[in-house]
PDB file of N, CA and C in Angstrom:
ATOM      1  N   MET A   1     103.551  94.786  95.336  1.00  0.00           N
ATOM      2  CA  MET A   1     102.638  96.168  95.408  1.00  0.00           C
ATOM      3  C   MET A   1     102.657  96.873  96.038  1.00  0.00           C
ATOM      4  N   PHE A   2     102.608  98.467  95.775  1.00  0.00           N
ATOM      5  CA  PHE A   2     102.798  99.543  96.934  1.00  0.00           C
ATOM      6  C   PHE A   2     101.877  99.559  97.108  1.00  0.00           C
ATOM      7  N   ILE A   3     101.423 100.277  98.310  1.00  0.00           N
ATOM      8  CA  ILE A   3      99.894 100.727  98.952  1.00  0.00           C
ATOM      9  C   ILE A   3      99.233 101.970  97.467  1.00  0.00           C
ATOM     10  N   ASN A   4      99.998 103.090  97.487  1.00  0.00           N
ATOM     11  CA  ASN A   4      99.443 103.714  96.304  1.00  0.00           C
ATOM     12  C   ASN A   4      98.769 102.743  94.916  1.00  0.00           C
ATOM     13  N   GLU A   5      99.910 102.095  94.486  1.00  0.00           N
ATOM     14  CA  GLU A   5      99.352 101.124  93.436  1.00  0.00           C
ATOM     15  C   GLU A   5      98.444 100.350  93.779  1.00  0.00           C
ATOM     16  N   LEU A   6      98.108  99.628  94.715  1.00  0.00           N
ATOM     17  CA  LEU A   6      97.249  99.045  95.221  1.00  0.00           C
ATOM     18  C   LEU A   6      96.015  99.487  94.763  1.00  0.00           C
ATOM     19  N   TRP A   7      96.214 101.086  95.951  1.00  0.00           N
ATOM     20  CA  TRP A   7      94.993 101.998  96.272  1.00  0.00           C
ATOM     21  C   TRP A   7      94.064 102.105  94.786  1.00  0.00           C
ATOM     22  N   ASP A   8      95.301 102.369  93.494  1.00  0.00           N
ATOM     23  CA  ASP A   8      94.930 102.809  92.450  1.00  0.00           C
ATOM     24  C   ASP A   8      94.246 101.761  91.595  1.00  0.00           C
ATOM     25  N   GLU A   9      94.236 100.391  91.808  1.00  0.00           N
ATOM     26  CA  GLU A   9      93.923  99.189  91.226  1.00  0.00           C
ATOM     27  C   GLU A   9      92.429  99.117  91.766  1.00  0.00           C
ATOM     28  N   VAL A  10      92.394  99.332  93.258  1.00  0.00           N
ATOM     29  CA  VAL A  10      91.350  99.795  93.639  1.00  0.00           C
ATOM     30  C   VAL A  10      90.207 100.240  92.677  1.00  0.00           C
ATOM     31  N   VAL A  11      90.821 101.262  92.662  1.00  0.00           N
ATOM     32  CA  VAL A  11      89.965 102.616  91.954  1.00  0.00           C
ATOM     33  C   VAL A  11      89.495 101.796  90.612  1.00  0.00           C
ATOM     34  N   ARG A  12      90.437 101.778  90.080  1.00  0.00           N
ATOM     35  CA  ARG A  12      90.202 100.853  88.687  1.00  0.00           C
ATOM     36  C   ARG A  12      89.368  99.758  88.433  1.00  0.00           C
ATOM     37  N   HIS A  13      89.236  98.986  89.450  1.00  0.00           N
ATOM     38  CA  HIS A  13      88.262  97.679  89.691  1.00  0.00           C
ATOM     39  C   HIS A  13      86.989  98.069  90.152  1.00  0.00           C
ATOM     40  N   SER A  14      86.764  99.651  90.768  1.00  0.00           N
ATOM     41  CA  SER A  14      85.166  99.857  90.915  1.00  0.00           C
ATOM     42  C   SER A  14      84.369  99.516  90.252  1.00  0.00           C
ATOM     43  N   GLY A  15      83.036  98.810  90.575  1.00  0.00           N
ATOM     44  CA  GLY A  15      82.060  98.312  89.887  1.00  0.00           C
ATOM     45  C   GLY A  15      81.995  97.024  89.234  1.00  0.00           C
ATOM     46  N   LYS A  16      83.242  96.239  89.644  1.00  0.00           N
ATOM     47  CA  LYS A  16      83.540  95.285  89.274  1.00  0.00           C
ATOM     48  C   LYS A  16      83.078  93.954  90.352  1.00  0.00           C
ATOM     49  N   LYS A  17      82.568  93.032  89.657  1.00  0.00           N
ATOM     50  CA  LYS A  17      81.718  91.912  90.745  1.00  0.00           C
ATOM     51  C   LYS A  17      82.867  91.049  91.176  1.00  0.00           C
ATOM     52  N   ILE A  18      82.787  90.974  92.936  1.00  0.00           N
ATOM     53  CA  ILE A  18      83.631  90.482  93.597  1.00  0.00           C
ATOM     54  C   ILE A  18      82.858  89.353  93.624  1.00  0.00           C
ATOM     55  N   THR A  19      83.555  87.916  94.332  1.00  0.00           N
ATOM     56  CA  THR A  19      83.203  87.000  95.188  1.00  0.00           C
ATOM     57  C   THR A  19      83.760  86.791  96.190  1.00  0.00           C
ATOM     58  N   ALA A  20      83.546  86.556  97.941  1.00  0.00           N
ATOM     59  CA  ALA A  20      84.195  86.461  98.763  1.00  0.00           C
ATOM     60  C   ALA A  20      84.073  85.441  98.778  1.00  0.00           C
ATOM     61  N   LYS A  21      85.144  84.711  99.917  1.00  0.00           N
ATOM     62  CA  LYS A  21      85.256  83.505 100.108  1.00  0.00           C
ATOM     63  C   LYS A  21      83.959  82.629 100.438  1.00  0.00           C
ATOM     64  N   ASP A  22      83.041  83.082 101.275  1.00  0.00           N
ATOM     65  CA  ASP A  22      82.177  82.815 101.502  1.00  0.00           C
ATOM     66  C   ASP A  22      80.737  82.757 100.602  1.00  0.00           C
ATOM     67  N   GLY A  23      81.247  82.826  99.299  1.00  0.00           N
ATOM     68  CA  GLY A  23      80.648  82.982  97.988  1.00  0.00           C
ATOM     69  C   GLY A  23      79.552  83.946  97.484  1.00  0.00           C
ATOM     70  N   LYS A  24      79.776  85.062  98.802  1.00  0.00           N
ATOM     71  CA  LYS A  24      78.555  86.371  98.466  1.00  0.00           C
ATOM     72  C   LYS A  24      79.156  87.184  97.162  1.00  0.00           C
ATOM     73  N   SER A  25      78.435  87.504  96.329  1.00  0.00           N
ATOM     74  CA  SER A  25      79.244  88.453  95.385  1.00  0.00           C
ATOM     75  C   SER A  25      78.792  89.719  95.811  1.00  0.00           C
ATOM     76  N   PHE A  26      79.687  90.787  95.023  1.00  0.00           N
ATOM     77  CA  PHE A  26      79.395  92.199  95.599  1.00  0.00           C
ATOM     78  C   PHE A  26      79.971  93.010  94.778  1.00  0.00           C
ATOM     79  N   THR A  27      79.201  94.235  94.836  1.00  0.00           N
ATOM     80  CA  THR A  27      80.436  95.623  93.679  1.00  0.00           C
ATOM     81  C   THR A  27      80.461  96.661  94.621  1.00  0.00           C
ATOM     82  N   TYR A  28      81.581  96.898  94.384  1.00  0.00           N
ATOM     83  CA  TYR A  28      81.676  98.562  95.406  1.00  0.00           C
ATOM     84  C   TYR A  28      81.974  99.712  94.212  1.00  0.00           C
ATOM     85  N   SER A  29      81.968 101.289  94.837  1.00  0.00           N
ATOM     86  CA  SER A  29      82.436 102.444  94.441  1.00  0.00           C
ATOM     87  C   SER A  29      83.485 102.811  95.371  1.00  0.00           C
ATOM     88  N   VAL A  30      83.892 103.539  94.617  1.00  0.00           N
ATOM     89  CA  VAL A  30      84.799 104.368  95.058  1.00  0.00           C
ATOM     90  C   VAL A  30      84.586 105.866  94.865  1.00  0.00           C
ATOM     91  N   THR A  31      84.632 106.678  95.971  1.00  0.00           N
ATOM     92  CA  THR A  31      84.338 108.438  95.936  1.00  0.00           C
ATOM     93  C   THR A  31      85.316 109.006  97.087  1.00  0.00           C
ATOM     94  N   GLU A  32      86.269 109.766  96.564  1.00  0.00           N
ATOM     95  CA  GLU A  32      87.040 110.299  96.710  1.00  0.00           C
ATOM     96  C   GLU A  32      88.272 109.380  97.485  1.00  0.00           C
ATOM     97  N   SER A  33      88.038 109.398  99.102  1.00  0.00           N
ATOM     98  CA  SER A  33      88.873 108.602  99.358  1.00  0.00           C
ATOM     99  C   SER A  33      88.327 107.507 100.320  1.00  0.00           C
ATOM    100  N   ASN A  34      87.184 106.733  99.888  1.00  0.00           N
ATOM    101  CA  ASN A  34      86.370 105.810 100.554  1.00  0.00           C
ATOM    102  C   ASN A  34      85.825 104.505  99.649  1.00  0.00           C
ATOM    103  N   ILE A  35      85.975 103.458  99.612  1.00  0.00           N
ATOM    104  CA  ILE A  35      85.347 102.193  99.097  1.00  0.00           C
ATOM    105  C   ILE A  35      83.715 102.150  99.592  1.00  0.00           C
ATOM    106  N   PHE A  36      82.606 101.976  98.838  1.00  0.00           N
ATOM    107  CA  PHE A  36      81.678 101.928  99.355  1.00  0.00           C
ATOM    108  C   PHE A  36      81.151 100.682  99.210  1.00  0.00           C
ATOM    109  N   ILE A  37      80.286  99.829  99.693  1.00  0.00           N
ATOM    110  CA  ILE A  37      79.834  98.355  99.120  1.00  0.00           C
ATOM    111  C   ILE A  37      78.493  98.638  99.429  1.00  0.00           C
ATOM    112  N   PRO A  38      77.355  98.610  98.712  1.00  0.00           N
ATOM    113  CA  PRO A  38      76.324  98.927  98.339  1.00  0.00           C
ATOM    114  C   PRO A  38      75.608  97.850  99.128  1.00  0.00           C
ATOM    115  N   GLU A  39      75.732  96.654  98.760  1.00  0.00           N
ATOM    116  CA  GLU A  39      74.922  95.333  99.414  1.00  0.00           C
ATOM    117  C   GLU A  39      74.906  95.305 100.739  1.00  0.00           C
ATOM    118  N   ALA A  40      76.236  95.627 101.383  1.00  0.00           N
ATOM    119  CA  ALA A  40      76.720  95.843 102.915  1.00  0.00           C
ATOM    120  C   ALA A  40      76.086  96.852 103.678  1.00  0.00           C
ATOM    121  N   ASN A  41      76.021  98.400 103.089  1.00  0.00           N
ATOM    122  CA  ASN A  41      75.333  99.508 103.642  1.00  0.00           C
ATOM    123  C   ASN A  41      77.181  99.814 104.211  1.00  0.00           C
ATOM    124  N   TRP A  42      77.914  99.584 103.739  1.00  0.00           N
ATOM    125  CA  TRP A  42      79.199  99.996 104.621  1.00  0.00           C
ATOM    126  C   TRP A  42      80.429 100.337 103.790  1.00  0.00           C
ATOM    127  N   ARG A  43      81.040 101.411 104.355  1.00  0.00           N
ATOM    128  CA  ARG A  43      82.125 102.047 103.682  1.00  0.00           C
ATOM    129  C   ARG A  43      83.378 101.938 104.615  1.00  0.00           C
ATOM    130  N   ILE A  44      84.432 102.152 103.872  1.00  0.00           N
ATOM    131  CA  ILE A  44      85.471 102.015 104.456  1.00  0.00           C
ATOM    132  C   ILE A  44      86.798 103.302 103.626  1.00  0.00           C
ATOM    133  N   THR A  45      87.372 103.723 104.834  1.00  0.00           N
ATOM    134  CA  THR A  45      88.237 105.050 104.181  1.00  0.00           C
ATOM    135  C   THR A  45      89.664 104.414 103.674  1.00  0.00           C
ATOM    136  N   LYS A  46      90.118 105.638 103.048  1.00  0.00           N
ATOM    137  CA  LYS A  46      91.284 104.806 102.898  1.00  0.00           C
ATOM    138  C   LYS A  46      92.405 104.622 103.724  1.00  0.00           C
ATOM    139  N   ALA A  47      92.493 105.279 105.007  1.00  0.00           N
ATOM    140  CA  ALA A  47      93.202 104.839 106.323  1.00  0.00           C
ATOM    141  C   ALA A  47      92.861 103.467 106.459  1.00  0.00           C
ATOM    142  N   GLU A  48      91.554 103.338 106.459  1.00  0.00           N
ATOM    143  CA  GLU A  48      91.396 102.036 107.097  1.00  0.00           C
ATOM    144  C   GLU A  48      91.831 101.192 105.805  1.00  0.00           C
ATOM    145  N   PHE A  49      91.631 101.353 104.987  1.00  0.00           N
ATOM    146  CA  PHE A  49      92.214 100.470 104.418  1.00  0.00           C
ATOM    147  C   PHE A  49      93.315 100.167 104.009  1.00  0.00           C
ATOM    148  N   GLU A  50      94.584 101.327 104.347  1.00  0.00           N
ATOM    149  CA  GLU A  50      95.729 100.993 104.399  1.00  0.00           C
ATOM    150  C   GLU A  50      96.105 100.422 105.670  1.00  0.00           C
ATOM    151  N   ASN A  51      95.726 100.730 106.709  1.00  0.00           N
ATOM    152  CA  ASN A  51      95.591  99.850 107.815  1.00  0.00           C
ATOM    153  C   ASN A  51      95.382  98.027 107.370  1.00  0.00           C
ATOM    154  N   ALA A  52      94.311  97.718 106.868  1.00  0.00           N
ATOM    155  CA  ALA A  52      94.176  96.354 106.231  1.00  0.00           C
ATOM    156  C   ALA A  52      95.326  96.118 105.712  1.00  0.00           C
ATOM    157  N   VAL A  53      95.910  96.435 104.634  1.00  0.00           N
ATOM    158  CA  VAL A  53      96.699  96.187 104.200  1.00  0.00           C
ATOM    159  C   VAL A  53      98.120  95.860 104.826  1.00  0.00           C
ATOM    160  N   SER A  54      98.561  96.746 105.605  1.00  0.00           N
ATOM    161  CA  SER A  54      99.759  96.689 106.802  1.00  0.00           C
ATOM    162  C   SER A  54      99.395  95.580 107.286  1.00  0.00           C
ATOM    163  N   LYS A  55      98.504  95.006 107.928  1.00  0.00           N
ATOM    164  CA  LYS A  55      98.447  93.689 108.808  1.00  0.00           C
ATOM    165  C   LYS A  55      98.914  92.541 107.793  1.00  0.00           C
ATOM    166  N   LEU A  56      98.597  92.655 106.573  1.00  0.00           N
ATOM    167  CA  LEU A  56      99.032  91.582 105.573  1.00  0.00           C
ATOM    168  C   LEU A  56     100.473  91.051 106.021  1.00  0.00           C
ATOM    169  N   LYS A  57     101.271  91.789 106.152  1.00  0.00           N
ATOM    170  CA  LYS A  57     102.778  91.432 106.396  1.00  0.00           C
ATOM    171  C   LYS A  57     102.892  90.698 107.108  1.00  0.00           C
ATOM    172  N   ASP A  58     101.915  90.710 108.339  1.00  0.00           N
ATOM    173  CA  ASP A  58     101.861  88.828 109.033  1.00  0.00           C
ATOM    174  C   ASP A  58     101.667  87.780 108.398  1.00  0.00           C
ATOM    175  N   GLN A  59     102.421  86.755 107.825  1.00  0.00           N
ATOM    176  CA  GLN A  59     101.885  85.710 107.265  1.00  0.00           C
ATOM    177  C   GLN A  59     101.066  84.872 107.702  1.00  0.00           C
ATOM    178  N   LYS A  60     101.080  84.997 108.734  1.00  0.00           N
ATOM    179  CA  LYS A  60      99.817  83.961 109.644  1.00  0.00           C
ATOM    180  C   LYS A  60      98.504  84.523 109.359  1.00  0.00           C
ATOM    181  N   PHE A  61      98.253  85.742 109.644  1.00  0.00           N
ATOM    182  CA  PHE A  61      96.922  86.820 109.617  1.00  0.00           C
ATOM    183  C   PHE A  61      97.119  86.988 108.126  1.00  0.00           C
ATOM    184  N   ALA A  62      97.981  86.927 107.017  1.00  0.00           N
ATOM    185  CA  ALA A  62      97.440  86.873 105.854  1.00  0.00           C
ATOM    186  C   ALA A  62      96.665  85.878 105.404  1.00  0.00           C
ATOM    187  N   THR A  63      97.430  84.495 105.378  1.00  0.00           N
ATOM    188  CA  THR A  63      96.592  83.156 105.019  1.00  0.00           C
ATOM    189  C   THR A  63      95.275  83.412 106.036  1.00  0.00           C
ATOM    190  N   LEU A  64      94.643  83.931 107.070  1.00  0.00           N
ATOM    191  CA  LEU A  64      93.494  83.732 107.574  1.00  0.00           C
ATOM    192  C   LEU A  64      92.653  85.026 106.792  1.00  0.00           C
ATOM    193  N   ALA A  65      93.220  86.041 106.553  1.00  0.00           N
ATOM    194  CA  ALA A  65      93.016  87.069 105.872  1.00  0.00           C
ATOM    195  C   ALA A  65      91.734  86.552 104.145  1.00  0.00           C
ATOM    196  N   GLU A  66      93.173  85.739 103.936  1.00  0.00           N
ATOM    197  CA  GLU A  66      92.512  85.496 102.427  1.00  0.00           C
ATOM    198  C   GLU A  66      91.438  84.177 102.621  1.00  0.00           C
ATOM    199  N   ASN A  67      91.214  84.032 103.549  1.00  0.00           N
ATOM    200  CA  ASN A  67      90.130  82.807 103.815  1.00  0.00           C
ATOM    201  C   ASN A  67      89.186  83.262 104.119  1.00  0.00           C
ATOM    202  N   SER A  68      88.839  84.782 104.792  1.00  0.00           N
ATOM    203  CA  SER A  68      87.967  85.279 105.531  1.00  0.00           C
ATOM    204  C   SER A  68      86.785  85.482 104.364  1.00  0.00           C
ATOM    205  N   SER A  69      85.721  85.991 105.129  1.00  0.00           N
ATOM    206  CA  SER A  69      84.529  86.504 104.316  1.00  0.00           C
ATOM    207  C   SER A  69      84.546  88.331 104.300  1.00  0.00           C
ATOM    208  N   SER A  70      85.863  88.442 104.817  1.00  0.00           N
ATOM    209  CA  SER A  70      86.091  90.212 104.680  1.00  0.00           C
ATOM    210  C   SER A  70      85.681  90.761 103.268  1.00  0.00           C
ATOM    211  N   TYR A  71      85.020  91.927 103.370  1.00  0.00           N
ATOM    212  CA  TYR A  71      85.112  92.347 101.805  1.00  0.00           C
ATOM    213  C   TYR A  71      86.054  93.350 101.274  1.00  0.00           C
ATOM    214  N   VAL A  72      86.926  93.630 102.387  1.00  0.00           N
ATOM    215  CA  VAL A  72      88.181  94.350 102.079  1.00  0.00           C
ATOM    216  C   VAL A  72      89.139  93.408 101.101  1.00  0.00           C
ATOM    217  N   TYR A  73      89.638  92.342 101.926  1.00  0.00           N
ATOM    218  CA  TYR A  73      90.324  91.652 102.058  1.00  0.00           C
ATOM    219  C   TYR A  73      89.953  90.700 100.548  1.00  0.00           C
ATOM    220  N   ALA A  74      88.667  90.548 100.645  1.00  0.00           N
ATOM    221  CA  ALA A  74      88.498  89.766  99.278  1.00  0.00           C
ATOM    222  C   ALA A  74      88.690  91.220  98.446  1.00  0.00           C
ATOM    223  N   ILE A  75      88.585  91.876  98.478  1.00  0.00           N
ATOM    224  CA  ILE A  75      88.854  93.406  97.313  1.00  0.00           C
ATOM    225  C   ILE A  75      90.098  92.975  97.256  1.00  0.00           C
ATOM    226  N   ILE A  76      91.393  93.226  97.770  1.00  0.00           N
ATOM    227  CA  ILE A  76      92.267  93.173  97.630  1.00  0.00           C
ATOM    228  C   ILE A  76      93.031  92.025  97.115  1.00  0.00           C
ATOM    229  N   PHE A  77      92.480  90.799  97.410  1.00  0.00           N
ATOM    230  CA  PHE A  77      93.108  88.878  96.820  1.00  0.00           C
ATOM    231  C   PHE A  77      92.637  89.190  95.357  1.00  0.00           C
ATOM    232  N   SER A  78      91.360  90.005  95.126  1.00  0.00           N
ATOM    233  CA  SER A  78      90.722  89.324  93.663  1.00  0.00           C
ATOM    234  C   SER A  78      92.061  90.490  92.894  1.00  0.00           C
ATOM    235  N   ILE A  79      92.562  91.750  93.618  1.00  0.00           N
ATOM    236  CA  ILE A  79      93.166  92.184  92.766  1.00  0.00           C
ATOM    237  C   ILE A  79      94.348  91.931  92.650  1.00  0.00           C
ATOM    238  N   LEU A  80      95.060  91.267  93.607  1.00  0.00           N
ATOM    239  CA  LEU A  80      96.848  90.567  93.721  1.00  0.00           C
ATOM    240  C   LEU A  80      96.424  89.453  92.477  1.00  0.00           C
ATOM    241  N   LYS A  81      95.345  88.727  93.133  1.00  0.00           N
ATOM    242  CA  LYS A  81      95.458  87.141  91.697  1.00  0.00           C
ATOM    243  C   LYS A  81      95.058  87.979  90.617  1.00  0.00           C
ATOM    244  N   GLU A  82      94.534  89.134  90.254  1.00  0.00           N
ATOM    245  CA  GLU A  82      94.418  89.478  88.663  1.00  0.00           C
ATOM    246  C   GLU A  82      95.404  89.807  88.141  1.00  0.00           C
ATOM    247  N   ASN A  83      96.796  90.613  89.352  1.00  0.00           N
ATOM    248  CA  ASN A  83      98.053  91.485  89.107  1.00  0.00           C
ATOM    249  C   ASN A  83      98.940  90.266  88.824  1.00  0.00           C
ATOM    250  N   LYS A  84      98.791  89.040  88.878  1.00  0.00           N
ATOM    251  CA  LYS A  84      99.711  88.327  89.052  1.00  0.00           C
ATOM    252  C   LYS A  84     100.745  87.756  87.864  1.00  0.00           C
TER     253      LYS A  84
END
């Protein structure tokens, strides 16, 4: 999946409940070029999101990211699993 397609999926899944590896559930919204996670009062820009995705090219990092409690990686892996 390419970055623009993945971003489109992030937008499409906005408002959906996501569960991170640590068991915490959260939702997010997308406004313009930002992802906002109200439970954490946390915002990530589309550029930061693209940077996070690019790091997944390193398989070792991808394995660590998939098992982390990171919000952004929880969103990414939730989408990827759904689109398998």
